Amino acid sequence: MSGPRVSSDREDLKIDDCQFHRAAARAEDEPRPLKGDVVFLGRSNVGKSSLINGLLGVKGLARTSSTPGRTQTVNFYSVNREHFFVDLPGYGYARAPKHIREQWGPMVEGFLERRREAIALAVVLVDARHAPSELDRTMLTWLVDRDIPRIVVGVKADKLSGNDRSKAERSLRQAFETADDGVAPFLTSAVTGLGMKELWRHVDEALHAHRDRND
């Protein structure tokens, strides 16, 4: 079992093993960092689970809650027993109970602060069909302030026509500043595979860069 392969002068990451590791509701429940986390952030129902499954090539590994916005756990997926792919609680679900909406900010900010040195890459998911929200911008600001490597991807691009895709990508690039390494926001689809190889390339490079910095 392996993820997309990308040509390079070094050996690309090959997935030999991936599995659900644990769901953590408290900081003390989180596993110790390994050799780099890849963190996925976005609104409730934006498709984080589908994107994680698509990247890892395992259908149903990451599961969507039947009550979006209500599950406030940080879900860890072990990859090759060396990395964690981390699904953070979604934000912005208006029907979630008030106390859960109020818990979300401190919970996510606390996670980013605790594990900032362990995060190789943060992937911010934005629904390509809609204009980015203030919460999306706030999320990116938190990452910038903590100097966490990050990229923005527009998901569910398969639901847009060709012309609408071009407009959506331009809108994303206007709304979010390009990452420090020059990576501009781009579109993806876990259904058609659009942009998935490009996303995997950035994940792969980020994990190698993190390992180089910490060796």
Protein backbone atom coordinates (compact mmCIF):
# COMPACT_ATOMS: atom_id res chain seq x y z
CA MET A 1 0.00 0.00 0.00
CA SER A 2 1.56 3.31 -1.00
CA GLY A 3 0.65 6.93 -1.59
CA PRO A 4 1.32 8.81 -4.81
CA ARG A 5 4.97 8.74 -5.83
CA VAL A 6 6.77 11.88 -6.96
CA SER A 7 10.12 11.94 -8.75
CA SER A 8 12.89 13.59 -6.77
CA ASP A 9 16.58 13.31 -5.92
CA ARG A 10 15.71 11.61 -2.65
CA GLU A 11 13.61 8.63 -1.72
CA ASP A 12 9.93 9.55 -1.54
CA LEU A 13 7.77 8.51 1.37
CA LYS A 14 6.13 5.16 0.77
CA ILE A 15 3.20 4.20 2.95
CA ASP A 16 3.63 0.70 4.32
CA ASP A 17 1.28 0.98 7.27
CA CYS A 18 -1.43 3.40 8.36
CA GLN A 19 -4.10 3.02 10.99
CA PHE A 20 -6.25 4.93 13.42
CA HIS A 21 -4.18 5.52 16.54
CA ARG A 22 -6.37 7.36 19.04
CA ALA A 23 -8.89 10.14 19.65
CA ALA A 24 -7.72 12.66 22.23
CA ALA A 25 -10.14 14.93 24.08
CA ARG A 26 -7.50 16.28 26.47
CA ALA A 27 -3.87 17.31 26.07
CA GLU A 28 -2.73 14.47 28.31
CA ASP A 29 -4.39 11.97 25.97
CA GLU A 30 -2.29 13.00 22.97
CA PRO A 31 0.49 10.63 21.85
CA ARG A 32 4.07 11.79 22.02
CA PRO A 33 5.26 13.34 18.75
CA LEU A 34 7.21 11.08 16.43
CA LYS A 35 8.99 12.29 13.28
CA GLY A 36 6.55 14.95 12.15
CA ASP A 37 2.81 15.61 12.21
CA VAL A 38 0.65 16.58 9.24
CA VAL A 39 -2.36 18.47 10.56
CA PHE A 40 -5.67 18.96 8.72
CA LEU A 41 -7.89 21.92 9.62
CA GLY A 42 -11.16 23.23 8.23
CA ARG A 43 -14.83 23.88 8.76
CA SER A 44 -17.16 21.10 9.84
CA ASN A 45 -18.23 19.00 6.86
CA VAL A 46 -15.49 20.44 4.63
CA GLY A 47 -14.18 16.96 3.86
CA LYS A 48 -11.09 16.45 6.02
CA SER A 49 -11.82 12.75 6.45
CA SER A 50 -12.23 12.22 2.71
CA LEU A 51 -8.98 14.04 1.98
CA ILE A 52 -7.05 12.01 4.57
CA ASN A 53 -8.47 8.77 3.19
CA GLY A 54 -7.58 9.84 -0.34
CA LEU A 55 -4.01 10.72 0.55
CA LEU A 56 -3.41 7.52 2.48
CA GLY A 57 -5.27 5.33 0.00
CA VAL A 58 -7.42 3.66 2.66
CA LYS A 59 -11.17 4.01 2.24
CA GLY A 60 -12.99 4.56 5.52
CA LEU A 61 -9.87 4.99 7.69
CA ALA A 62 -10.92 8.48 8.76
CA ARG A 63 -14.64 8.55 9.47
CA THR A 64 -17.03 11.47 9.33
CA SER A 65 -19.09 12.15 12.44
CA SER A 66 -22.83 11.64 12.10
CA THR A 67 -23.22 14.81 14.19
CA PRO A 68 -20.92 17.39 12.56
CA GLY A 69 -19.55 20.00 14.90
CA ARG A 70 -20.31 17.95 18.00
CA THR A 71 -17.26 15.70 18.14
CA GLN A 72 -14.49 17.65 19.84
CA THR A 73 -11.61 15.20 19.72
CA VAL A 74 -8.28 15.35 17.97
CA ASN A 75 -7.97 12.20 15.87
CA PHE A 76 -4.50 10.76 15.28
CA TYR A 77 -3.68 8.38 12.41
CA SER A 78 -0.35 6.60 12.53
CA VAL A 79 1.57 6.47 9.23
CA ASN A 80 4.49 4.01 9.01
CA ARG A 81 4.68 4.22 12.81
CA GLU A 82 6.79 7.37 12.22
CA HIS A 83 4.28 10.15 11.57
CA PHE A 84 0.85 11.25 12.68
CA PHE A 85 -1.78 12.59 10.31
CA VAL A 86 -4.00 14.64 12.62
CA ASP A 87 -7.65 15.53 12.04
CA LEU A 88 -8.53 18.55 14.17
CA PRO A 89 -12.15 19.31 15.15
CA GLY A 90 -14.06 21.23 12.50
CA TYR A 91 -15.16 24.77 13.14
CA GLY A 92 -18.08 26.99 12.24
CA TYR A 93 -20.97 24.53 12.56
CA ALA A 94 -23.81 26.81 13.65
CA ARG A 95 -26.00 24.00 15.01
CA ALA A 96 -23.34 22.73 17.38
CA PRO A 97 -24.13 23.40 21.05
CA LYS A 98 -22.86 26.75 22.29
CA HIS A 99 -20.49 25.22 24.84
CA ILE A 100 -18.80 23.19 22.10
CA ARG A 101 -18.45 26.21 19.82
CA GLU A 102 -16.84 28.07 22.71
CA GLN A 103 -14.43 25.19 23.43
CA TRP A 104 -13.20 24.93 19.86
CA GLY A 105 -10.88 27.95 19.80
CA PRO A 106 -8.95 27.23 23.00
CA MET A 107 -8.76 23.53 22.12
CA VAL A 108 -7.27 24.07 18.66
CA GLU A 109 -5.02 26.96 19.69
CA GLY A 110 -3.74 24.90 22.60
CA PHE A 111 -2.97 21.99 20.28
CA LEU A 112 -1.07 24.20 17.82
CA GLU A 113 0.91 25.78 20.64
CA ARG A 114 1.82 22.47 22.30
CA ARG A 115 2.85 20.69 19.11
CA ARG A 116 4.14 23.56 16.99
CA GLU A 117 7.63 22.06 16.88
CA ALA A 118 6.23 18.66 15.89
CA ILE A 119 4.07 19.91 13.00
CA ALA A 120 5.74 19.37 9.64
CA LEU A 121 2.80 20.81 7.71
CA ALA A 122 -0.68 22.18 8.36
CA VAL A 123 -3.20 21.71 5.55
CA VAL A 124 -6.07 24.22 5.67
CA LEU A 125 -9.13 22.98 3.77
CA VAL A 126 -11.55 25.49 2.26
CA ASP A 127 -14.69 24.51 0.34
CA ALA A 128 -13.92 25.66 -3.22
CA ARG A 129 -17.60 26.27 -3.90
CA HIS A 130 -17.86 29.08 -1.36
CA ALA A 131 -15.99 32.24 -0.47
CA PRO A 132 -13.49 31.79 2.39
CA SER A 133 -14.88 32.75 5.77
CA GLU A 134 -13.43 34.83 8.57
CA LEU A 135 -12.88 31.60 10.51
CA ASP A 136 -10.78 30.28 7.62
CA ARG A 137 -8.69 33.45 7.73
CA THR A 138 -8.39 33.26 11.52
CA MET A 139 -7.15 29.68 11.22
CA LEU A 140 -4.43 30.72 8.79
CA THR A 141 -3.45 33.64 11.04
CA TRP A 142 -2.95 31.26 13.97
CA LEU A 143 -0.58 29.19 11.83
CA VAL A 144 1.33 32.23 10.55
CA ASP A 145 1.71 33.62 14.07
CA ARG A 146 3.23 30.33 15.22
CA ASP A 147 5.45 30.00 12.15
CA ILE A 148 3.92 26.62 11.32
CA PRO A 149 4.46 25.47 7.70
CA ARG A 150 1.11 25.55 5.92
CA ILE A 151 -0.75 25.28 2.65
CA VAL A 152 -4.33 26.08 1.66
CA VAL A 153 -6.32 23.74 -0.57
CA GLY A 154 -9.75 24.23 -2.08
CA VAL A 155 -11.64 20.95 -1.70
CA LYS A 156 -14.69 19.48 -3.47
CA ALA A 157 -13.47 20.89 -6.79
CA ASP A 158 -15.20 17.99 -8.57
CA LYS A 159 -18.50 19.75 -7.88
CA LEU A 160 -17.46 22.74 -10.02
CA SER A 161 -17.40 23.12 -13.78
CA GLY A 162 -14.17 23.99 -15.57
CA ASN A 163 -14.86 27.74 -15.64
CA ASP A 164 -16.01 27.77 -12.04
CA ARG A 165 -12.86 25.91 -10.99
CA SER A 166 -10.68 28.60 -12.54
CA LYS A 167 -12.68 31.29 -10.76
CA ALA A 168 -12.53 29.41 -7.45
CA GLU A 169 -8.76 28.99 -7.64
CA ARG A 170 -8.28 32.69 -8.41
CA SER A 171 -10.53 33.56 -5.48
CA LEU A 172 -8.51 31.36 -3.13
CA ARG A 173 -5.26 32.91 -4.24
CA GLN A 174 -6.64 36.40 -3.75
CA ALA A 175 -8.01 35.58 -0.30
CA PHE A 176 -4.94 33.87 1.16
CA GLU A 177 -1.36 34.96 1.01
CA THR A 178 1.03 32.52 -0.58
CA ALA A 179 2.99 30.39 1.90
CA ASP A 180 6.58 31.31 2.72
CA ASP A 181 7.95 28.69 0.32
CA GLY A 182 5.95 30.11 -2.56
CA VAL A 183 3.14 27.52 -2.53
CA ALA A 184 -0.05 29.19 -3.74
CA PRO A 185 -3.48 27.74 -2.82
CA PHE A 186 -4.70 25.09 -5.26
CA LEU A 187 -7.77 22.92 -5.86
CA THR A 188 -8.21 19.27 -4.90
CA SER A 189 -10.83 16.56 -5.12
CA ALA A 190 -10.79 13.35 -3.12
CA VAL A 191 -13.36 12.01 -5.61
CA THR A 192 -11.54 12.55 -8.93
CA GLY A 193 -7.98 12.81 -7.60
CA LEU A 194 -7.54 16.37 -8.86
CA GLY A 195 -4.59 17.98 -7.09
CA MET A 196 -3.91 14.97 -4.88
CA LYS A 197 -0.47 14.21 -6.33
CA GLU A 198 0.48 17.85 -5.87
CA LEU A 199 -0.75 17.78 -2.28
CA TRP A 200 1.12 14.55 -1.60
CA ARG A 201 4.30 16.12 -3.00
CA HIS A 202 4.02 19.00 -0.52
CA VAL A 203 3.32 16.61 2.37
CA ASP A 204 6.28 14.45 1.39
CA GLU A 205 8.63 17.42 1.10
CA ALA A 206 7.46 18.87 4.41
CA LEU A 207 8.05 15.60 6.27
CA HIS A 208 11.55 15.29 4.83
CA ALA A 209 12.32 18.93 5.68
CA HIS A 210 11.07 18.41 9.24
CA ARG A 211 13.24 15.34 9.62
CA ASP A 212 16.29 17.22 8.29
CA ARG A 213 15.73 20.06 10.77
CA ASN A 214 15.48 17.70 13.70
CA ASP A 215 18.23 15.19 12.88
